[in-house]
């Protein structure tokens, strides 16, 4: 059974609702096998960044093996026109592709960041130049600040926005709805709550002390119709296989089930904080 597909906002791209966050994938010896497994199982968006150590290199290695028949999304931490263009050029060389599907401004999470990237001579201008040159197809932004994310959604400059959203972090839900109404693709980072919480959760699961599972948390995120694609990170092939198996056969959570999941996540957060 193929993965369900969703539209990535006004990009017009139709992609499986499950992607791969490749920040930590190179940190495991099995990283290349993890990426291959994801692609073999139907995942067609892989998210990376210039600053993710070894990530673009790993993706480029697999691209040279099998071709770039999937959407690569990368990011620049630069805040200047020259820096963002240099990052695009470097990404192209490392990835071994003639153009990149989606290039994003990375972690624009303060007012100062926002002003820098949006100003004349800022990083957005550099991505527009790269887009004009045919090196970048679509332009997006990621943020951990809800006020900045709202500006990104409403300013009309971005095709996609990357937000944190999970049963642990529900505050971004209104922005997901706003983005969907505005035709902006929504990419969800940390859909399982982040690696620290996953370590706590797996310990509790082994003792039977929590009803939460990674599969339930992923189901929570995908139950939101405003989400275009969720990109849980994975270091190992087995994690990708489990995520894909869930996405091929799940029912969206009811509102009551979502509230129960949120309460369980809050209880786990308190355990983790303690």
C-alpha atoms as a PDB file:
ATOM      1  CA  UNK A   1       0.000   0.000   0.000  1.00  0.00           C
ATOM      2  CA  UNK A   2       1.524   3.348  -1.018  1.00  0.00           C
ATOM      3  CA  UNK A   3       1.863   6.238   1.399  1.00  0.00           C
ATOM      4  CA  UNK A   4      -0.940   8.788   1.381  1.00  0.00           C
ATOM      5  CA  UNK A   5      -0.020  11.987  -0.437  1.00  0.00           C
ATOM      6  CA  UNK A   6      -0.728  15.638   0.311  1.00  0.00           C
ATOM      7  CA  UNK A   7      -0.166  18.903  -1.536  1.00  0.00           C
ATOM      8  CA  UNK A   8       2.815  20.970  -0.386  1.00  0.00           C
ATOM      9  CA  UNK A   9       0.917  24.235  -0.488  1.00  0.00           C
ATOM     10  CA  UNK A  10       1.230  26.428  -3.548  1.00  0.00           C
ATOM     11  CA  UNK A  11       4.378  24.659  -4.730  1.00  0.00           C
ATOM     12  CA  UNK A  12       1.980  22.294  -6.488  1.00  0.00           C
ATOM     13  CA  UNK A  13       4.125  19.356  -5.361  1.00  0.00           C
ATOM     14  CA  UNK A  14       2.212  16.252  -4.318  1.00  0.00           C
ATOM     15  CA  UNK A  15       4.306  14.309  -1.831  1.00  0.00           C
ATOM     16  CA  UNK A  16       3.820  11.481   0.665  1.00  0.00           C
ATOM     17  CA  UNK A  17       2.717  12.802   4.051  1.00  0.00           C
ATOM     18  CA  UNK A  18       5.771  11.166   5.646  1.00  0.00           C
ATOM     19  CA  UNK A  19       9.240  12.535   4.951  1.00  0.00           C
ATOM     20  CA  UNK A  20      12.651  12.046   6.535  1.00  0.00           C
ATOM     21  CA  UNK A  21      14.507  14.519   8.697  1.00  0.00           C
ATOM     22  CA  UNK A  22      18.150  13.745   7.931  1.00  0.00           C
ATOM     23  CA  UNK A  23      19.914  15.866  10.558  1.00  0.00           C
ATOM     24  CA  UNK A  24      21.076  12.902  12.653  1.00  0.00           C
ATOM     25  CA  UNK A  25      21.043  10.216   9.949  1.00  0.00           C
ATOM     26  CA  UNK A  26      24.802  10.494   9.251  1.00  0.00           C
ATOM     27  CA  UNK A  27      25.594   9.987  12.952  1.00  0.00           C
ATOM     28  CA  UNK A  28      24.904   6.257  12.650  1.00  0.00           C
ATOM     29  CA  UNK A  29      27.043   3.794  10.693  1.00  0.00           C
ATOM     30  CA  UNK A  30      23.797   2.627   9.080  1.00  0.00           C
ATOM     31  CA  UNK A  31      22.942   6.137   7.871  1.00  0.00           C
ATOM     32  CA  UNK A  32      23.186   5.373   4.157  1.00  0.00           C
ATOM     33  CA  UNK A  33      21.048   2.258   4.617  1.00  0.00           C
ATOM     34  CA  UNK A  34      18.506   4.369   6.510  1.00  0.00           C
ATOM     35  CA  UNK A  35      18.228   6.799   3.621  1.00  0.00           C
ATOM     36  CA  UNK A  36      18.035   3.991   1.078  1.00  0.00           C
ATOM     37  CA  UNK A  37      15.297   2.283   3.103  1.00  0.00           C
ATOM     38  CA  UNK A  38      13.303   5.522   3.260  1.00  0.00           C
ATOM     39  CA  UNK A  39      13.446   5.970  -0.509  1.00  0.00           C
ATOM     40  CA  UNK A  40      12.736   2.294  -1.208  1.00  0.00           C
ATOM     41  CA  UNK A  41       9.641   2.481   1.017  1.00  0.00           C
ATOM     42  CA  UNK A  42       8.194   5.471  -0.810  1.00  0.00           C
ATOM     43  CA  UNK A  43       9.411   8.513   1.134  1.00  0.00           C
ATOM     44  CA  UNK A  44      10.032  11.344  -1.334  1.00  0.00           C
ATOM     45  CA  UNK A  45      11.035  14.332   0.802  1.00  0.00           C
ATOM     46  CA  UNK A  46      14.356  14.379   2.630  1.00  0.00           C
ATOM     47  CA  UNK A  47      15.147  17.436   4.726  1.00  0.00           C
ATOM     48  CA  UNK A  48      18.703  18.549   5.406  1.00  0.00           C
ATOM     49  CA  UNK A  49      20.719  21.751   5.920  1.00  0.00           C
ATOM     50  CA  UNK A  50      24.152  23.127   5.212  1.00  0.00           C
ATOM     51  CA  UNK A  51      24.848  23.028   8.957  1.00  0.00           C
ATOM     52  CA  UNK A  52      23.805  19.398   9.550  1.00  0.00           C
ATOM     53  CA  UNK A  53      27.166  17.701   9.829  1.00  0.00           C
ATOM     54  CA  UNK A  54      27.631  15.162   7.055  1.00  0.00           C
ATOM     55  CA  UNK A  55      23.959  15.202   6.025  1.00  0.00           C
ATOM     56  CA  UNK A  56      24.212  16.735   2.564  1.00  0.00           C
ATOM     57  CA  UNK A  57      27.294  14.600   1.923  1.00  0.00           C
ATOM     58  CA  UNK A  58      25.377  11.421   2.803  1.00  0.00           C
ATOM     59  CA  UNK A  59      22.439  12.386   0.614  1.00  0.00           C
ATOM     60  CA  UNK A  60      24.799  13.226  -2.227  1.00  0.00           C
ATOM     61  CA  UNK A  61      26.396   9.791  -1.911  1.00  0.00           C
ATOM     62  CA  UNK A  62      23.007   8.103  -2.319  1.00  0.00           C
ATOM     63  CA  UNK A  63      22.004  10.484  -5.122  1.00  0.00           C
ATOM     64  CA  UNK A  64      25.089   9.468  -7.075  1.00  0.00           C
ATOM     65  CA  UNK A  65      24.088   5.810  -6.600  1.00  0.00           C
ATOM     66  CA  UNK A  66      20.458   6.051  -7.644  1.00  0.00           C
ATOM     67  CA  UNK A  67      19.648   9.530  -8.927  1.00  0.00           C
ATOM     68  CA  UNK A  68      17.681  12.366  -7.382  1.00  0.00           C
ATOM     69  CA  UNK A  69      14.142  11.084  -7.914  1.00  0.00           C
ATOM     70  CA  UNK A  70      12.926  12.694  -4.691  1.00  0.00           C
ATOM     71  CA  UNK A  71      12.506  16.162  -3.221  1.00  0.00           C
ATOM     72  CA  UNK A  72      15.585  17.421  -1.397  1.00  0.00           C
ATOM     73  CA  UNK A  73      14.961  20.293   1.009  1.00  0.00           C
ATOM     74  CA  UNK A  74      17.996  22.102   2.374  1.00  0.00           C
ATOM     75  CA  UNK A  75      18.545  25.259   4.413  1.00  0.00           C
ATOM     76  CA  UNK A  76      20.923  28.159   4.910  1.00  0.00           C
ATOM     77  CA  UNK A  77      21.833  29.657   8.266  1.00  0.00           C
ATOM     78  CA  UNK A  78      23.294  32.679   6.487  1.00  0.00           C
ATOM     79  CA  UNK A  79      21.500  35.978   6.914  1.00  0.00           C
ATOM     80  CA  UNK A  80      23.070  37.752   3.915  1.00  0.00           C
ATOM     81  CA  UNK A  81      22.536  37.772   0.168  1.00  0.00           C
ATOM     82  CA  UNK A  82      26.072  36.579  -0.585  1.00  0.00           C
ATOM     83  CA  UNK A  83      26.093  33.974   2.165  1.00  0.00           C
ATOM     84  CA  UNK A  84      22.826  32.347   1.117  1.00  0.00           C
ATOM     85  CA  UNK A  85      23.923  32.178  -2.522  1.00  0.00           C
ATOM     86  CA  UNK A  86      27.225  30.624  -1.487  1.00  0.00           C
ATOM     87  CA  UNK A  87      25.332  28.031   0.566  1.00  0.00           C
ATOM     88  CA  UNK A  88      23.141  27.134  -2.397  1.00  0.00           C
ATOM     89  CA  UNK A  89      26.181  26.699  -4.636  1.00  0.00           C
ATOM     90  CA  UNK A  90      27.904  24.533  -2.031  1.00  0.00           C
ATOM     91  CA  UNK A  91      24.773  22.429  -1.517  1.00  0.00           C
ATOM     92  CA  UNK A  92      24.505  21.788  -5.253  1.00  0.00           C
ATOM     93  CA  UNK A  93      28.111  20.625  -5.414  1.00  0.00           C
ATOM     94  CA  UNK A  94      27.844  18.345  -2.375  1.00  0.00           C
ATOM     95  CA  UNK A  95      24.458  16.901  -3.316  1.00  0.00           C
ATOM     96  CA  UNK A  96      25.440  16.408  -6.941  1.00  0.00           C
ATOM     97  CA  UNK A  97      22.228  17.845  -8.375  1.00  0.00           C
ATOM     98  CA  UNK A  98      21.596  20.658 -10.887  1.00  0.00           C
ATOM     99  CA  UNK A  99      18.842  22.229  -8.758  1.00  0.00           C
ATOM    100  CA  UNK A 100      17.296  21.827  -5.324  1.00  0.00           C
ATOM    101  CA  UNK A 101      13.578  21.357  -4.868  1.00  0.00           C
ATOM    102  CA  UNK A 102      13.212  23.506  -1.735  1.00  0.00           C
ATOM    103  CA  UNK A 103      15.698  25.840  -0.073  1.00  0.00           C
ATOM    104  CA  UNK A 104      14.791  27.342   3.284  1.00  0.00           C
ATOM    105  CA  UNK A 105      15.963  30.106   5.565  1.00  0.00           C
ATOM    106  CA  UNK A 106      17.058  28.200   8.641  1.00  0.00           C
ATOM    107  CA  UNK A 107      15.799  28.908  12.183  1.00  0.00           C
ATOM    108  CA  UNK A 108      14.638  32.484  11.723  1.00  0.00           C
ATOM    109  CA  UNK A 109      13.534  32.758  15.345  1.00  0.00           C
ATOM    110  CA  UNK A 110      14.275  36.298  16.552  1.00  0.00           C
ATOM    111  CA  UNK A 111      13.129  39.700  15.369  1.00  0.00           C
ATOM    112  CA  UNK A 112      16.740  40.516  14.495  1.00  0.00           C
ATOM    113  CA  UNK A 113      16.981  37.365  12.362  1.00  0.00           C
ATOM    114  CA  UNK A 114      13.773  38.301  10.588  1.00  0.00           C
ATOM    115  CA  UNK A 115      14.892  41.841   9.848  1.00  0.00           C
ATOM    116  CA  UNK A 116      18.258  40.620   8.555  1.00  0.00           C
ATOM    117  CA  UNK A 117      16.925  37.993   6.156  1.00  0.00           C
ATOM    118  CA  UNK A 118      14.122  40.184   4.822  1.00  0.00           C
ATOM    119  CA  UNK A 119      16.125  43.403   4.340  1.00  0.00           C
ATOM    120  CA  UNK A 120      17.755  44.449   1.054  1.00  0.00           C
ATOM    121  CA  UNK A 121      20.986  42.474   0.940  1.00  0.00           C
ATOM    122  CA  UNK A 122      19.447  39.796   3.167  1.00  0.00           C
ATOM    123  CA  UNK A 123      19.391  36.030   2.730  1.00  0.00           C
ATOM    124  CA  UNK A 124      15.942  35.950   1.107  1.00  0.00           C
ATOM    125  CA  UNK A 125      17.282  38.107  -1.699  1.00  0.00           C
ATOM    126  CA  UNK A 126      20.067  35.578  -2.228  1.00  0.00           C
ATOM    127  CA  UNK A 127      17.581  32.717  -2.503  1.00  0.00           C
ATOM    128  CA  UNK A 128      15.552  34.721  -5.001  1.00  0.00           C
ATOM    129  CA  UNK A 129      18.679  35.168  -7.116  1.00  0.00           C
ATOM    130  CA  UNK A 130      19.306  31.417  -6.914  1.00  0.00           C
ATOM    131  CA  UNK A 131      15.691  30.808  -7.883  1.00  0.00           C
ATOM    132  CA  UNK A 132      16.041  33.146 -10.871  1.00  0.00           C
ATOM    133  CA  UNK A 133      19.136  31.216 -11.918  1.00  0.00           C
ATOM    134  CA  UNK A 134      17.161  27.952 -11.822  1.00  0.00           C
ATOM    135  CA  UNK A 135      19.189  26.568  -8.918  1.00  0.00           C
ATOM    136  CA  UNK A 136      16.306  26.543  -6.433  1.00  0.00           C
ATOM    137  CA  UNK A 137      12.715  25.665  -7.297  1.00  0.00           C
ATOM    138  CA  UNK A 138      10.870  26.826  -4.161  1.00  0.00           C
ATOM    139  CA  UNK A 139      11.727  28.996  -1.156  1.00  0.00           C
ATOM    140  CA  UNK A 140      10.736  28.298   2.448  1.00  0.00           C
ATOM    141  CA  UNK A 141      11.544  29.217   6.023  1.00  0.00           C
ATOM    142  CA  UNK A 142      11.862  27.425   9.355  1.00  0.00           C
ATOM    143  CA  UNK A 143      11.249  29.010  12.738  1.00  0.00           C
ATOM    144  CA  UNK A 144      10.913  28.141  16.415  1.00  0.00           C
ATOM    145  CA  UNK A 145       9.162  31.433  17.160  1.00  0.00           C
ATOM    146  CA  UNK A 146       5.405  31.571  16.616  1.00  0.00           C
ATOM    147  CA  UNK A 147       5.302  35.343  16.083  1.00  0.00           C
ATOM    148  CA  UNK A 148       8.008  35.147  13.424  1.00  0.00           C
ATOM    149  CA  UNK A 149       6.310  32.142  11.843  1.00  0.00           C
ATOM    150  CA  UNK A 150       3.068  34.091  11.571  1.00  0.00           C
ATOM    151  CA  UNK A 151       4.915  36.909   9.786  1.00  0.00           C
ATOM    152  CA  UNK A 152       6.413  34.382   7.400  1.00  0.00           C
ATOM    153  CA  UNK A 153       2.991  32.920   6.638  1.00  0.00           C
ATOM    154  CA  UNK A 154       1.288  36.261   6.047  1.00  0.00           C
ATOM    155  CA  UNK A 155       4.030  38.192   4.228  1.00  0.00           C
ATOM    156  CA  UNK A 156       3.516  36.368   0.928  1.00  0.00           C
ATOM    157  CA  UNK A 157       7.199  35.628   0.330  1.00  0.00           C
ATOM    158  CA  UNK A 158       7.416  31.930   1.203  1.00  0.00           C
ATOM    159  CA  UNK A 159       6.097  28.756  -0.379  1.00  0.00           C
ATOM    160  CA  UNK A 160       6.534  26.672   2.768  1.00  0.00           C
ATOM    161  CA  UNK A 161       6.969  27.097   6.498  1.00  0.00           C
ATOM    162  CA  UNK A 162       8.592  24.569   8.827  1.00  0.00           C
ATOM    163  CA  UNK A 163       7.160  24.511  12.351  1.00  0.00           C
ATOM    164  CA  UNK A 164       7.438  22.362  15.438  1.00  0.00           C
ATOM    165  CA  UNK A 165       4.185  20.545  16.152  1.00  0.00           C
ATOM    166  CA  UNK A 166       3.373  17.491  18.247  1.00  0.00           C
ATOM    167  CA  UNK A 167       1.266  16.300  21.169  1.00  0.00           C
ATOM    168  CA  UNK A 168       4.011  17.886  23.288  1.00  0.00           C
ATOM    169  CA  UNK A 169       3.844  21.188  21.435  1.00  0.00           C
ATOM    170  CA  UNK A 170       0.342  22.143  20.321  1.00  0.00           C
ATOM    171  CA  UNK A 171       0.790  25.925  20.324  1.00  0.00           C
ATOM    172  CA  UNK A 172       1.546  25.983  16.602  1.00  0.00           C
ATOM    173  CA  UNK A 173      -1.807  24.447  15.628  1.00  0.00           C
ATOM    174  CA  UNK A 174      -3.506  27.808  14.816  1.00  0.00           C
ATOM    175  CA  UNK A 175      -0.582  28.724  12.554  1.00  0.00           C
ATOM    176  CA  UNK A 176      -0.889  25.428  10.726  1.00  0.00           C
ATOM    177  CA  UNK A 177      -4.524  26.284  10.017  1.00  0.00           C
ATOM    178  CA  UNK A 178      -3.533  29.810   8.912  1.00  0.00           C
ATOM    179  CA  UNK A 179      -0.839  28.486   6.586  1.00  0.00           C
ATOM    180  CA  UNK A 180      -3.192  25.947   5.051  1.00  0.00           C
ATOM    181  CA  UNK A 181      -5.772  28.687   4.367  1.00  0.00           C
ATOM    182  CA  UNK A 182      -3.023  30.827   2.837  1.00  0.00           C
ATOM    183  CA  UNK A 183      -1.781  28.092   0.509  1.00  0.00           C
ATOM    184  CA  UNK A 184       1.536  27.731   2.358  1.00  0.00           C
ATOM    185  CA  UNK A 185       2.965  24.230   2.649  1.00  0.00           C
ATOM    186  CA  UNK A 186       3.430  23.104   6.259  1.00  0.00           C
ATOM    187  CA  UNK A 187       6.435  20.939   7.103  1.00  0.00           C
ATOM    188  CA  UNK A 188       6.348  19.604  10.658  1.00  0.00           C
ATOM    189  CA  UNK A 189       9.642  19.156  12.454  1.00  0.00           C
ATOM    190  CA  UNK A 190      10.000  17.170  15.684  1.00  0.00           C
ATOM    191  CA  UNK A 191       6.622  15.420  15.254  1.00  0.00           C
ATOM    192  CA  UNK A 192       7.622  12.897  17.914  1.00  0.00           C
ATOM    193  CA  UNK A 193       8.744  15.569  20.361  1.00  0.00           C
ATOM    194  CA  UNK A 194      12.510  15.339  19.862  1.00  0.00           C
ATOM    195  CA  UNK A 195      15.135  12.725  20.630  1.00  0.00           C
ATOM    196  CA  UNK A 196      15.315  13.508  24.364  1.00  0.00           C
ATOM    197  CA  UNK A 197      11.643  12.752  24.911  1.00  0.00           C
ATOM    198  CA  UNK A 198      11.906   9.643  22.751  1.00  0.00           C
ATOM    199  CA  UNK A 199      14.600   8.254  25.043  1.00  0.00           C
ATOM    200  CA  UNK A 200      12.363   8.819  28.073  1.00  0.00           C
ATOM    201  CA  UNK A 201       9.365   7.374  26.263  1.00  0.00           C
ATOM    202  CA  UNK A 202      11.146   4.202  25.231  1.00  0.00           C
ATOM    203  CA  UNK A 203      12.285   3.657  28.821  1.00  0.00           C
ATOM    204  CA  UNK A 204       8.716   4.074  30.092  1.00  0.00           C
ATOM    205  CA  UNK A 205       7.317   1.865  27.316  1.00  0.00           C
ATOM    206  CA  UNK A 206       9.716  -0.920  28.275  1.00  0.00           C
ATOM    207  CA  UNK A 207       8.205  -0.830  31.787  1.00  0.00           C
ATOM    208  CA  UNK A 208       4.625  -0.411  30.582  1.00  0.00           C
ATOM    209  CA  UNK A 209       4.417   3.014  32.254  1.00  0.00           C
ATOM    210  CA  UNK A 210       3.104   5.104  29.331  1.00  0.00           C
ATOM    211  CA  UNK A 211       0.375   4.677  26.734  1.00  0.00           C
ATOM    212  CA  UNK A 212       2.283   6.865  24.293  1.00  0.00           C
ATOM    213  CA  UNK A 213       4.236   5.284  21.481  1.00  0.00           C
ATOM    214  CA  UNK A 214       6.154   6.844  18.584  1.00  0.00           C
ATOM    215  CA  UNK A 215       3.439   5.514  16.290  1.00  0.00           C
ATOM    216  CA  UNK A 216       0.678   7.227  18.282  1.00  0.00           C
ATOM    217  CA  UNK A 217       2.584  10.506  18.303  1.00  0.00           C
ATOM    218  CA  UNK A 218       3.070  10.388  14.548  1.00  0.00           C
ATOM    219  CA  UNK A 219      -0.594   9.544  14.110  1.00  0.00           C
ATOM    220  CA  UNK A 220      -1.450  12.621  16.195  1.00  0.00           C
ATOM    221  CA  UNK A 221       0.424  14.930  13.815  1.00  0.00           C
ATOM    222  CA  UNK A 222      -0.902  13.330  10.640  1.00  0.00           C
ATOM    223  CA  UNK A 223      -4.460  13.636  11.933  1.00  0.00           C
ATOM    224  CA  UNK A 224      -4.166  17.380  11.304  1.00  0.00           C
ATOM    225  CA  UNK A 225      -5.278  17.985   7.685  1.00  0.00           C
ATOM    226  CA  UNK A 226      -3.321  21.249   7.554  1.00  0.00           C
ATOM    227  CA  UNK A 227      -0.018  19.396   7.790  1.00  0.00           C
ATOM    228  CA  UNK A 228       1.596  18.830   4.388  1.00  0.00           C
ATOM    229  CA  UNK A 229       4.405  16.521   5.477  1.00  0.00           C
ATOM    230  CA  UNK A 230       5.917  15.374   8.770  1.00  0.00           C
ATOM    231  CA  UNK A 231       9.663  14.763   8.861  1.00  0.00           C
ATOM    232  CA  UNK A 232      10.618  12.609  11.863  1.00  0.00           C
ATOM    233  CA  UNK A 233      14.340  12.098  12.125  1.00  0.00           C
ATOM    234  CA  UNK A 234      15.811   8.616  11.869  1.00  0.00           C
ATOM    235  CA  UNK A 235      19.273   7.176  12.272  1.00  0.00           C
ATOM    236  CA  UNK A 236      18.390   3.530  11.699  1.00  0.00           C
ATOM    237  CA  UNK A 237      16.439   1.679   8.993  1.00  0.00           C
ATOM    238  CA  UNK A 238      14.141  -0.018  11.521  1.00  0.00           C
ATOM    239  CA  UNK A 239      12.815   3.351  12.682  1.00  0.00           C
ATOM    240  CA  UNK A 240      11.976   4.318   9.097  1.00  0.00           C
ATOM    241  CA  UNK A 241      10.251   0.983   8.536  1.00  0.00           C
ATOM    242  CA  UNK A 242       8.112   1.441  11.651  1.00  0.00           C
ATOM    243  CA  UNK A 243       7.112   4.970  10.641  1.00  0.00           C
ATOM    244  CA  UNK A 244       6.201   3.873   7.128  1.00  0.00           C
ATOM    245  CA  UNK A 245       4.215   0.872   8.404  1.00  0.00           C
ATOM    246  CA  UNK A 246       2.147   3.190  10.605  1.00  0.00           C
ATOM    247  CA  UNK A 247       1.501   5.651   7.778  1.00  0.00           C
ATOM    248  CA  UNK A 248       0.309   2.908   5.449  1.00  0.00           C
ATOM    249  CA  UNK A 249      -2.398   1.774   7.840  1.00  0.00           C
ATOM    250  CA  UNK A 250      -3.793   4.260  10.337  1.00  0.00           C
ATOM    251  CA  UNK A 251      -7.018   5.998  11.219  1.00  0.00           C
ATOM    252  CA  UNK A 252      -6.925   9.703  12.134  1.00  0.00           C
ATOM    253  CA  UNK A 253      -7.404  10.366  15.822  1.00  0.00           C
ATOM    254  CA  UNK A 254     -10.739  11.681  17.007  1.00  0.00           C
ATOM    255  CA  UNK A 255     -10.780  14.922  18.984  1.00  0.00           C
ATOM    256  CA  UNK A 256     -11.208  12.920  22.199  1.00  0.00           C
ATOM    257  CA  UNK A 257      -8.257  10.710  21.307  1.00  0.00           C
ATOM    258  CA  UNK A 258      -6.140  13.779  20.549  1.00  0.00           C
ATOM    259  CA  UNK A 259      -6.919  15.305  23.953  1.00  0.00           C
ATOM    260  CA  UNK A 260      -6.020  12.019  25.655  1.00  0.00           C
ATOM    261  CA  UNK A 261      -2.751  11.930  23.736  1.00  0.00           C
ATOM    262  CA  UNK A 262      -1.988  15.508  24.815  1.00  0.00           C
ATOM    263  CA  UNK A 263      -2.636  14.652  28.474  1.00  0.00           C
ATOM    264  CA  UNK A 264      -0.328  11.662  28.235  1.00  0.00           C
ATOM    265  CA  UNK A 265       2.322  13.819  26.564  1.00  0.00           C
ATOM    266  CA  UNK A 266       2.027  16.414  29.323  1.00  0.00           C
ATOM    267  CA  UNK A 267       2.502  13.709  31.943  1.00  0.00           C
ATOM    268  CA  UNK A 268       5.556  12.403  30.104  1.00  0.00           C
ATOM    269  CA  UNK A 269       6.953  15.936  29.824  1.00  0.00           C
ATOM    270  CA  UNK A 270       6.683  16.283  33.600  1.00  0.00           C
ATOM    271  CA  UNK A 271       8.541  13.000  34.065  1.00  0.00           C
ATOM    272  CA  UNK A 272      11.197  14.130  31.587  1.00  0.00           C
ATOM    273  CA  UNK A 273      11.547  17.518  33.305  1.00  0.00           C
ATOM    274  CA  UNK A 274      11.865  15.853  36.686  1.00  0.00           C
END
